[in-house]
Protein backbone atom coordinates (compact mmCIF):
# COMPACT_ATOMS: atom_id res chain seq x y z
CA MET A 1 -7.78 -19.64 -34.14
CA PRO A 2 -6.01 -17.04 -32.00
CA ALA A 3 -8.21 -14.03 -31.35
CA GLY A 4 -7.17 -10.51 -32.13
CA GLY A 5 -7.06 -7.50 -29.82
CA LYS A 6 -9.85 -5.05 -29.02
CA ASP A 7 -10.00 -1.63 -30.61
CA THR A 8 -10.53 0.03 -27.25
CA ALA A 9 -7.11 -1.22 -26.23
CA GLU A 10 -5.57 1.42 -28.44
CA SER A 11 -7.42 4.22 -26.62
CA GLY A 12 -5.79 3.35 -23.31
CA SER A 13 -2.43 2.06 -24.43
CA ASP A 14 -0.81 5.50 -24.30
CA ALA A 15 -2.65 6.75 -21.23
CA VAL A 16 -0.64 7.88 -18.22
CA PRO A 17 -1.35 5.89 -15.04
CA GLY A 18 -3.94 7.72 -12.97
CA GLU A 19 -5.69 9.23 -15.97
CA THR A 20 -9.35 8.45 -16.53
CA ILE A 21 -10.22 6.25 -19.49
CA TYR A 22 -13.77 6.27 -20.79
CA LEU A 23 -15.07 3.23 -22.64
CA ASP A 24 -18.11 3.64 -24.83
CA ALA A 25 -20.61 0.82 -25.28
CA PRO A 26 -19.73 -1.38 -28.26
CA GLY A 27 -22.10 -1.29 -31.20
CA THR A 28 -24.43 -4.20 -31.85
CA THR A 29 -24.95 -3.96 -35.62
CA LEU A 30 -24.21 -6.91 -37.90
CA LYS A 31 -20.85 -5.30 -38.75
CA ASP A 32 -20.02 -4.98 -35.03
CA THR A 33 -21.12 -8.57 -34.44
CA TRP A 34 -18.78 -9.89 -37.14
CA LYS A 35 -15.93 -7.65 -35.95
CA ASN A 36 -16.23 -8.81 -32.33
CA ALA A 37 -16.82 -12.49 -33.13
CA GLY A 38 -13.97 -14.84 -32.42
CA PRO A 39 -13.98 -17.07 -29.33
CA GLY A 40 -17.32 -18.68 -30.23
CA ILE A 41 -16.26 -19.30 -33.83
CA ALA A 42 -12.90 -20.64 -32.68
CA ALA A 43 -14.59 -23.05 -30.27
CA ALA A 44 -16.96 -24.24 -33.01
CA MET A 45 -14.03 -24.79 -35.38
CA THR A 46 -12.33 -27.18 -32.95
CA GLY A 47 -15.19 -29.61 -33.50
CA ILE A 48 -16.45 -29.00 -37.01
CA GLY A 49 -13.47 -30.85 -38.44
CA ALA A 50 -13.22 -34.19 -36.66
CA SER A 51 -16.76 -34.63 -35.35
CA HIS A 52 -18.60 -33.42 -38.44
CA ILE A 53 -16.41 -34.66 -41.27
CA MET A 54 -15.40 -37.96 -39.67
CA HIS A 55 -18.05 -39.04 -37.16
CA GLY A 56 -21.12 -37.71 -39.00
CA PRO A 57 -20.68 -39.49 -42.36
CA THR A 58 -19.40 -42.64 -40.60
CA ALA A 59 -22.52 -42.83 -38.42
CA GLY A 60 -24.79 -42.23 -41.41
CA ALA A 61 -22.95 -44.73 -43.61
CA GLN A 62 -22.99 -47.51 -40.99
CA TYR A 63 -26.26 -47.04 -39.17
CA GLY A 64 -28.44 -44.74 -41.26
CA TYR A 65 -30.35 -42.33 -39.03
CA ALA A 66 -30.11 -44.45 -35.87
CA LEU A 67 -27.51 -42.18 -34.21
CA LEU A 68 -28.87 -38.85 -35.49
CA TRP A 69 -30.44 -38.00 -32.12
CA ILE A 70 -27.02 -37.92 -30.47
CA ILE A 71 -25.98 -34.72 -32.26
CA PRO A 72 -28.73 -32.40 -30.94
CA ALA A 73 -28.58 -34.18 -27.57
CA ALA A 74 -24.81 -33.60 -27.25
CA TYR A 75 -25.16 -29.96 -28.29
CA ILE A 76 -27.89 -29.35 -25.71
CA LEU A 77 -26.09 -31.20 -22.90
CA LYS A 78 -22.77 -29.39 -23.45
CA TYR A 79 -24.09 -25.91 -24.22
CA CYS A 80 -23.72 -24.45 -20.74
CA CYS A 81 -20.14 -25.69 -20.38
CA PHE A 82 -19.01 -23.39 -23.19
CA GLU A 83 -21.49 -20.61 -22.47
CA PHE A 84 -20.53 -20.43 -18.78
CA ALA A 85 -16.78 -20.35 -19.50
CA HIS A 86 -17.25 -17.48 -21.96
CA ARG A 87 -19.67 -15.72 -19.57
CA TYR A 88 -17.19 -16.04 -16.70
CA THR A 89 -14.48 -14.22 -18.64
CA MET A 90 -16.87 -11.52 -19.84
CA VAL A 91 -18.03 -10.75 -16.29
CA LYS A 92 -14.89 -11.39 -14.21
CA GLY A 93 -12.38 -10.08 -16.76
CA GLU A 94 -10.08 -13.06 -16.37
CA SER A 95 -9.51 -16.60 -17.64
CA ILE A 96 -11.63 -19.32 -16.09
CA MET A 97 -8.34 -20.98 -15.17
CA ASN A 98 -8.24 -18.46 -12.28
CA ALA A 99 -11.47 -19.97 -10.99
CA TYR A 100 -10.02 -23.48 -11.24
CA ALA A 101 -7.12 -22.32 -9.06
CA ARG A 102 -9.52 -21.47 -6.24
CA VAL A 103 -10.56 -25.14 -6.08
CA GLY A 104 -6.97 -26.27 -5.52
CA GLN A 105 -4.09 -27.62 -7.55
CA TRP A 106 -5.73 -30.87 -8.64
CA PRO A 107 -7.66 -29.31 -11.57
CA PHE A 108 -4.32 -28.39 -13.16
CA TRP A 109 -2.94 -31.90 -12.73
CA TYR A 110 -6.18 -33.17 -14.21
CA LEU A 111 -6.16 -30.77 -17.19
CA GLY A 112 -2.42 -31.26 -17.69
CA PHE A 113 -2.85 -35.03 -17.95
CA GLN A 114 -5.85 -34.55 -20.23
CA SER A 115 -3.74 -32.32 -22.48
CA LEU A 116 -1.14 -35.06 -22.83
CA ALA A 117 -3.81 -37.73 -23.40
CA ASN A 118 -5.21 -35.56 -26.18
CA THR A 119 -2.17 -36.52 -28.26
CA PHE A 120 -4.45 -39.22 -29.69
CA GLY A 121 -6.92 -36.52 -30.62
CA ILE A 122 -4.45 -34.35 -32.47
CA ALA A 123 -3.06 -37.41 -34.26
CA GLY A 124 -6.55 -38.44 -35.38
CA ARG A 125 -7.38 -34.96 -36.63
CA ALA A 126 -4.08 -34.76 -38.51
CA LEU A 127 -4.70 -38.20 -40.01
CA GLY A 128 -8.13 -37.07 -41.15
CA CYS A 129 -6.69 -33.99 -42.81
CA GLY A 130 -3.88 -36.11 -44.26
CA ALA A 131 -6.43 -38.54 -45.71
CA LEU A 132 -8.11 -35.71 -47.60
CA LEU A 133 -4.76 -34.41 -48.83
CA TRP A 134 -3.78 -37.93 -49.90
CA ALA A 135 -7.08 -38.27 -51.79
CA ALA A 136 -6.21 -35.17 -53.81
CA PHE A 137 -2.44 -35.56 -54.05
CA PRO A 138 -1.43 -39.25 -53.66
CA PHE A 139 2.24 -38.64 -54.48
CA MET A 140 2.98 -38.66 -50.71
CA SER A 141 1.82 -41.27 -48.20
CA LEU A 142 -1.02 -40.66 -45.74
CA GLU A 143 1.45 -40.60 -42.85
CA MET A 144 3.72 -38.02 -44.52
CA TRP A 145 0.79 -35.76 -45.37
CA SER A 146 -0.40 -36.02 -41.77
CA MET A 147 3.06 -35.14 -40.46
CA SER A 148 3.10 -32.14 -42.78
CA VAL A 149 -0.17 -30.95 -41.25
CA LEU A 150 1.36 -31.04 -37.76
CA LEU A 151 4.56 -29.30 -38.80
CA ILE A 152 2.83 -26.59 -40.83
CA SER A 153 0.49 -25.85 -37.90
CA VAL A 154 3.44 -25.35 -35.57
CA ALA A 155 5.30 -23.24 -38.15
CA ILE A 156 2.32 -20.89 -38.63
CA LEU A 157 1.98 -20.40 -34.87
CA TRP A 158 5.67 -19.86 -34.25
CA LEU A 159 6.01 -17.41 -37.14
CA GLY A 160 2.82 -15.58 -36.17
CA LYS A 161 1.47 -15.78 -39.73
CA TYR A 162 -2.00 -16.96 -38.83
CA GLU A 163 -3.95 -13.84 -39.92
CA VAL A 164 -3.68 -14.51 -43.67
CA PHE A 165 -4.22 -18.20 -43.10
CA GLU A 166 -7.34 -17.47 -41.02
CA GLY A 167 -8.93 -15.51 -43.87
CA VAL A 168 -8.27 -18.25 -46.44
CA VAL A 169 -9.62 -20.93 -44.12
CA LYS A 170 -12.82 -18.99 -43.43
CA VAL A 171 -13.54 -18.71 -47.16
CA ALA A 172 -12.82 -22.40 -47.80
CA ILE A 173 -14.98 -23.52 -44.90
CA ILE A 174 -17.87 -21.31 -45.98
CA VAL A 175 -17.69 -22.92 -49.45
CA PHE A 176 -17.53 -26.35 -47.85
CA ALA A 177 -20.48 -25.66 -45.54
CA LEU A 178 -22.59 -24.24 -48.38
CA SER A 179 -21.79 -27.31 -50.49
CA SER A 180 -22.91 -29.52 -47.61
CA PHE A 181 -26.25 -27.73 -47.27
CA ILE A 182 -26.80 -27.79 -51.04
CA ALA A 183 -25.98 -31.51 -51.12
CA PHE A 184 -28.47 -31.99 -48.33
CA ALA A 185 -31.14 -30.01 -50.21
CA LEU A 186 -30.59 -32.13 -53.33
CA GLN A 187 -30.33 -35.49 -51.57
CA ALA A 188 -32.57 -34.97 -48.54
CA PRO A 189 -35.17 -37.68 -47.94
CA PRO A 190 -38.67 -36.78 -46.68
CA PRO A 191 -38.30 -35.10 -43.25
CA GLY A 192 -40.38 -37.82 -41.62
CA GLU A 193 -37.64 -40.36 -42.31
CA TYR A 194 -35.07 -38.67 -40.10
CA LEU A 195 -37.04 -36.37 -37.78
CA SER A 196 -38.57 -39.46 -36.19
CA ARG A 197 -35.02 -40.53 -35.20
CA LEU A 198 -34.45 -37.47 -32.99
CA MET A 199 -35.95 -39.31 -30.01
CA PRO A 200 -33.21 -40.91 -27.85
CA SER A 201 -32.78 -44.65 -28.23
CA LEU A 202 -30.18 -47.26 -27.40
CA PRO A 203 -27.39 -47.61 -29.98
CA PRO A 204 -27.52 -50.47 -32.48
CA ALA A 205 -25.40 -53.56 -31.89
CA GLY A 206 -21.75 -52.86 -32.67
CA ALA A 207 -22.17 -49.08 -32.46
CA MET A 208 -20.93 -48.56 -28.90
CA ILE A 209 -17.55 -47.03 -29.79
CA LEU A 210 -19.14 -44.65 -32.28
CA PHE A 211 -21.94 -43.87 -29.79
CA GLY A 212 -19.40 -42.80 -27.16
CA ALA A 213 -17.21 -41.04 -29.71
CA MET A 214 -20.09 -38.86 -30.92
CA PHE A 215 -20.96 -37.79 -27.38
CA GLY A 216 -17.26 -37.05 -26.79
CA TYR A 217 -16.65 -34.91 -29.87
CA PHE A 218 -20.01 -33.28 -30.65
CA PRO A 219 -20.04 -30.28 -30.57
CA THR A 220 -16.41 -30.44 -29.44
CA THR A 221 -14.51 -31.56 -26.35
CA THR A 222 -15.35 -29.83 -23.06
CA GLU A 223 -11.79 -28.68 -22.41
CA VAL A 224 -12.37 -26.25 -25.27
CA SER A 225 -14.41 -24.24 -22.74
CA ALA A 226 -11.13 -23.23 -21.08
CA MET A 227 -9.64 -22.46 -24.50
CA GLN A 228 -12.69 -20.34 -25.35
CA SER A 229 -12.20 -18.41 -22.12
CA ASN A 230 -8.52 -17.80 -22.96
CA TRP A 231 -9.44 -16.60 -26.46
CA ALA A 232 -11.97 -14.18 -24.90
CA VAL A 233 -9.15 -12.82 -22.73
CA ASP A 234 -7.03 -12.27 -25.85
CA LYS A 235 -10.00 -10.55 -27.49
CA LYS A 236 -10.19 -8.26 -24.42
CA SER A 237 -13.92 -8.92 -24.22
CA GLY A 238 -16.25 -7.44 -21.61
CA MET A 239 -14.49 -6.67 -18.34
CA VAL A 240 -11.11 -8.02 -19.49
CA TYR A 241 -9.91 -4.70 -20.85
CA VAL A 242 -11.44 -2.78 -17.93
CA LYS A 243 -9.62 -4.95 -15.41
CA GLU A 244 -6.37 -4.73 -17.37
CA MET A 245 -6.44 -0.92 -17.40
CA ARG A 246 -7.34 -0.68 -13.72
CA GLU A 247 -4.45 -2.98 -12.81
CA LYS A 248 -2.17 -0.55 -14.67
CA GLY A 249 -3.33 2.27 -12.40
CA HIS A 250 -5.90 3.89 -14.68
CA LYS A 251 -9.33 5.04 -13.64
CA VAL A 252 -11.84 3.44 -15.97
CA GLU A 253 -15.37 4.67 -16.54
CA VAL A 254 -17.73 2.75 -18.80
CA HIS A 255 -20.90 3.62 -20.65
CA PRO A 256 -24.03 2.37 -18.81
CA ASP A 257 -24.66 -0.04 -21.70
CA TYR A 258 -21.05 -1.25 -21.96
CA MET A 259 -21.65 -4.65 -20.35
CA LYS A 260 -25.16 -5.01 -21.75
CA ASN A 261 -23.93 -4.62 -25.32
CA SER A 262 -20.81 -6.68 -24.69
CA MET A 263 -22.99 -9.54 -23.45
CA ILE A 264 -25.21 -9.25 -26.53
CA LEU A 265 -22.16 -9.60 -28.79
CA TYR A 266 -20.77 -12.58 -26.88
CA ARG A 267 -24.11 -14.39 -27.00
CA ARG A 268 -24.36 -13.84 -30.75
CA ASP A 269 -20.83 -15.11 -31.24
CA MET A 270 -21.59 -18.16 -29.13
CA ASN A 271 -25.12 -18.96 -30.27
CA VAL A 272 -24.82 -18.39 -34.02
CA SER A 273 -21.64 -20.48 -34.20
CA TYR A 274 -23.25 -23.19 -32.06
CA ILE A 275 -26.48 -23.43 -34.08
CA VAL A 276 -24.73 -23.45 -37.46
CA ALA A 277 -22.31 -26.13 -36.26
CA ALA A 278 -25.17 -28.28 -34.91
CA LEU A 279 -27.16 -28.10 -38.15
CA THR A 280 -24.03 -28.84 -40.19
CA GLY A 281 -23.29 -31.93 -38.10
CA MET A 282 -26.80 -33.28 -38.64
CA VAL A 283 -26.54 -32.56 -42.37
CA PHE A 284 -23.32 -34.57 -42.63
CA LEU A 285 -24.91 -37.58 -40.97
CA ILE A 286 -28.12 -37.42 -43.02
CA VAL A 287 -26.33 -37.05 -46.37
CA GLY A 288 -23.96 -39.87 -45.37
CA ALA A 289 -27.00 -42.04 -44.66
CA VAL A 290 -28.59 -41.17 -48.01
CA VAL A 291 -25.51 -41.50 -50.24
CA LEU A 292 -23.17 -43.98 -48.53
CA ASN A 293 -25.45 -46.28 -46.54
CA PRO A 294 -27.34 -47.74 -49.56
CA ILE A 295 -24.09 -48.75 -51.26
CA GLY A 296 -22.49 -50.06 -48.05
CA LEU A 297 -19.53 -47.67 -48.22
CA VAL A 298 -18.13 -46.61 -44.82
CA PRO A 299 -15.31 -44.04 -44.35
CA ALA A 300 -12.29 -45.94 -43.05
CA GLY A 301 -8.51 -46.13 -43.33
CA ARG A 302 -6.56 -44.10 -45.84
CA GLU A 303 -9.52 -44.14 -48.26
CA MET A 304 -11.54 -41.98 -45.84
CA GLY A 305 -11.12 -38.80 -47.88
CA VAL A 306 -12.21 -40.39 -51.16
CA THR A 307 -15.22 -42.03 -49.48
CA ILE A 308 -16.46 -38.80 -47.90
CA ALA A 309 -15.95 -36.93 -51.17
CA ARG A 310 -18.37 -39.37 -52.81
CA ILE A 311 -21.18 -37.71 -50.85
CA TYR A 312 -20.62 -34.69 -53.05
CA THR A 313 -19.38 -36.20 -56.30
CA ASP A 314 -22.44 -38.48 -56.43
CA THR A 315 -24.60 -35.40 -55.92
CA PHE A 316 -22.93 -32.76 -58.09
CA GLY A 317 -20.56 -34.71 -60.32
CA ALA A 318 -16.79 -35.22 -60.43
CA TRP A 319 -16.12 -31.51 -61.03
CA VAL A 320 -16.93 -30.70 -57.39
CA PHE A 321 -14.19 -33.00 -56.01
CA PRO A 322 -11.44 -30.33 -55.72
CA ILE A 323 -13.81 -27.85 -54.09
CA ILE A 324 -14.97 -30.35 -51.49
CA ILE A 325 -11.48 -31.63 -50.79
CA ALA A 326 -10.21 -28.05 -50.38
CA GLY A 327 -13.02 -27.18 -47.97
CA GLY A 328 -12.58 -30.41 -46.01
CA ILE A 329 -8.84 -29.87 -45.74
CA ALA A 330 -9.47 -26.30 -44.54
CA ALA A 331 -11.95 -27.49 -41.91
CA LEU A 332 -9.73 -30.25 -40.54
CA PHE A 333 -6.55 -28.19 -40.80
CA SER A 334 -8.14 -25.32 -38.87
CA THR A 335 -9.18 -27.85 -36.22
CA VAL A 336 -5.59 -29.09 -35.85
CA PHE A 337 -4.26 -25.54 -35.87
CA THR A 338 -6.78 -24.26 -33.32
CA TYR A 339 -6.10 -27.16 -30.96
CA PHE A 340 -2.35 -26.64 -31.22
CA ASP A 341 -2.86 -23.06 -30.08
CA GLY A 342 -5.59 -23.61 -27.48
CA GLN A 343 -4.37 -26.83 -25.85
CA ALA A 344 -0.81 -25.53 -25.56
CA ARG A 345 -2.13 -22.48 -23.70
CA VAL A 346 -4.10 -24.67 -21.30
CA PHE A 347 -1.05 -26.87 -20.64
CA GLU A 348 1.15 -23.79 -20.18
CA GLU A 349 -1.29 -22.34 -17.66
CA CYS A 350 -1.43 -25.64 -15.76
CA CYS A 351 2.36 -25.75 -15.48
CA VAL A 352 2.86 -22.19 -14.23
CA ARG A 353 0.08 -22.59 -11.67
CA LEU A 354 1.57 -25.81 -10.35
CA LYS A 355 5.05 -24.25 -10.17
CA THR A 356 4.76 -20.47 -9.78
CA SER A 357 8.50 -19.85 -10.30
CA TRP A 358 7.92 -20.78 -13.95
CA ASP A 359 5.50 -17.90 -14.41
CA THR A 360 7.82 -15.73 -16.51
CA PRO A 361 7.43 -14.79 -20.20
CA GLY A 362 10.46 -16.80 -21.24
CA THR A 363 9.48 -19.95 -19.36
CA ARG A 364 5.86 -19.68 -20.53
CA LYS A 365 7.00 -19.53 -24.14
CA LEU A 366 9.33 -22.51 -23.59
CA ILE A 367 6.49 -24.58 -22.06
CA ASN A 368 4.07 -23.61 -24.82
CA ARG A 369 6.42 -24.51 -27.63
CA GLY A 370 7.77 -27.54 -25.82
CA PHE A 371 4.26 -28.91 -25.54
CA GLN A 372 3.69 -28.38 -29.26
CA VAL A 373 6.94 -30.20 -30.07
CA LEU A 374 5.86 -33.03 -27.76
CA TRP A 375 2.54 -33.21 -29.61
CA VAL A 376 4.34 -33.46 -32.95
CA ILE A 377 6.52 -36.32 -31.68
CA GLY A 378 3.67 -38.12 -29.90
CA GLY A 379 1.31 -37.52 -32.80
CA ALA A 380 3.85 -38.98 -35.22
CA ALA A 381 4.17 -42.11 -33.07
CA VAL A 382 0.40 -42.60 -33.10
CA MET A 383 0.06 -41.84 -36.82
CA PHE A 384 2.79 -44.20 -37.96
CA GLY A 385 1.80 -46.88 -35.45
CA LEU A 386 -1.96 -46.72 -36.04
CA PRO A 387 -2.65 -45.05 -39.41
CA LYS A 388 -6.44 -45.39 -39.24
CA PRO A 389 -7.98 -41.91 -39.00
CA ILE A 390 -11.51 -42.91 -38.01
CA LEU A 391 -10.40 -45.42 -35.34
CA VAL A 392 -7.85 -43.04 -33.76
CA VAL A 393 -10.40 -40.22 -33.58
CA GLN A 394 -13.01 -42.55 -32.10
CA LEU A 395 -10.61 -43.62 -29.34
CA ALA A 396 -9.69 -39.98 -28.66
CA SER A 397 -13.37 -39.06 -28.58
CA ILE A 398 -14.16 -41.63 -25.89
CA LEU A 399 -11.27 -40.29 -23.80
CA ALA A 400 -12.77 -36.81 -24.21
CA LEU A 401 -16.17 -38.09 -23.08
CA VAL A 402 -14.71 -39.58 -19.90
CA PHE A 403 -12.93 -36.31 -19.04
CA SER A 404 -15.97 -34.13 -19.74
CA PRO A 405 -18.04 -34.35 -16.50
CA VAL A 406 -15.25 -33.06 -14.25
CA ILE A 407 -14.45 -30.14 -16.57
CA TYR A 408 -18.18 -29.34 -16.72
CA TRP A 409 -18.44 -29.35 -12.91
CA LEU A 410 -15.44 -27.03 -12.60
CA THR A 411 -17.06 -24.62 -15.04
CA ILE A 412 -20.34 -24.53 -13.10
CA LYS A 413 -18.45 -23.99 -9.84
CA ALA A 414 -16.54 -21.08 -11.42
CA ILE A 415 -19.83 -19.27 -12.02
CA THR A 416 -21.59 -20.10 -8.75
CA ASP A 417 -18.57 -19.31 -6.54
CA GLY A 418 -17.03 -16.57 -8.67
CA PHE A 419 -19.88 -14.10 -9.16
CA GLN A 420 -19.89 -12.35 -5.78
CA THR A 421 -20.48 -8.60 -6.24
CA PRO A 422 -23.94 -7.18 -7.05
CA GLU A 423 -22.70 -6.22 -10.54
CA GLU A 424 -21.47 -9.76 -11.16
CA ARG A 425 -24.61 -11.36 -9.77
CA GLU A 426 -26.64 -9.44 -12.34
CA HIS A 427 -25.10 -11.75 -14.96
CA MET A 428 -25.75 -15.02 -13.15
CA PRO A 429 -27.42 -17.65 -15.34
CA GLY A 430 -31.12 -18.14 -14.64
CA ARG A 431 -32.67 -21.24 -13.09
CA PHE A 432 -33.27 -22.85 -16.46
CA MET A 433 -29.64 -22.45 -17.51
CA MET A 434 -28.36 -23.74 -14.17
CA GLY A 435 -30.70 -26.71 -14.43
CA LEU A 436 -29.50 -27.39 -17.97
CA ALA A 437 -25.88 -27.20 -16.80
CA TRP A 438 -26.41 -29.79 -14.07
CA ALA A 439 -28.41 -31.96 -16.46
CA GLY A 440 -25.46 -31.81 -18.86
CA THR A 441 -22.96 -32.78 -16.18
CA ILE A 442 -25.05 -35.67 -14.89
CA GLY A 443 -26.03 -36.75 -18.40
CA LEU A 444 -22.44 -36.94 -19.61
CA THR A 445 -21.48 -38.85 -16.46
CA LEU A 446 -24.18 -41.44 -17.10
CA VAL A 447 -23.25 -41.75 -20.77
CA SER A 448 -19.58 -42.24 -19.81
CA ILE A 449 -20.43 -44.97 -17.32
CA TYR A 450 -22.74 -46.69 -19.81
CA VAL A 451 -20.16 -46.64 -22.62
CA LEU A 452 -17.32 -47.91 -20.41
CA PHE A 453 -19.53 -50.65 -18.96
CA MET A 454 -20.76 -51.82 -22.33
CA MET A 455 -17.24 -51.81 -23.80
CA ALA A 456 -15.89 -53.74 -20.81
CA THR A 457 -18.58 -56.41 -21.05
CA ALA A 458 -18.59 -56.70 -24.83
């Protein structure tokens, strides 16, 4: 979900170098909050498709409430990874990729390889969206629908027609989310049945792949932190616009509350999106446990879309099927679309930092689009070779889990090493947040080791 520009950019775009530009503090009303939202919502959307629609109902259908605790645990453990990346850009006025560069070149080799490995992820997401499309319109095969999802995503990005699409998707997803909460309200068991399962416990026998997959994809993959930072740069949030104008030779003065209000807006964007996504994920699992588990129906294969739709048709009736399918398609399609944009930018940045002679507009565009073409080809190979949406996404999720601790560590280091001036140090995370960040890094490391060990000895 590419972010739009900042209104203040217009005030300085025609200024003559050397002139003084004054930036007022942004408003903090609900209207201002919605207007300035973007990177947080975009980050949430990368996960709400695959993790929520595919992992949540699958976990509920197979194991009831046994894996429910993983969702809040994953959200808590990963919170600082996304918050710190967004905070870094707000305070430093640059992408967190700049901070990675100060560590050396290896982070870009690491992230570049991870981007290529994520071909499994994009294939799984496209298969999931294709399964929903096939459920509604079975005149084309699952694989052809999935290919269409990839090609349409690339076409929208290359043509720059994402603004209209973004509005339609937001409406469809809101309808889908509201339907999910209503289904939960109508089908919800007594709170004691599922609240007691929020305490961590070992996964049931046979649940190891799903256990690791849920930790990998809830709330989303950690490399999205770098994407979120890049989207904040595009949004010209916080010090980004200030730094940009100063580099052009302008003198920039800001209102005393400029950063204070900017930080309020970024936290709202981050926190509201995060909380809503967490609650939605739990709702999907609980409703899946209530509706699908008793009848022994588990989302799998090309019937995945029809199976998930039963959560709603059994609750509301057959009339709700097109609404749910439309919302589910919107959620998964926006996930594919957002990843195509965000991951291509990360790969592009890795390439130009590893070979600085490529850092020209033309070469950047070629790398970005070339990566997207590579994803289409690689995604097609995975989809036609392994047309099982749930399985492909689970494998991709475990890969994401294994990559997550290093990306988390790089994000913490960006904050601790990057905030040097007194003004920057004012925005350092407190002790609790730093403790939570290290707990997240260590926790994800231990989960990764446990999952890999258990899978190897199974």
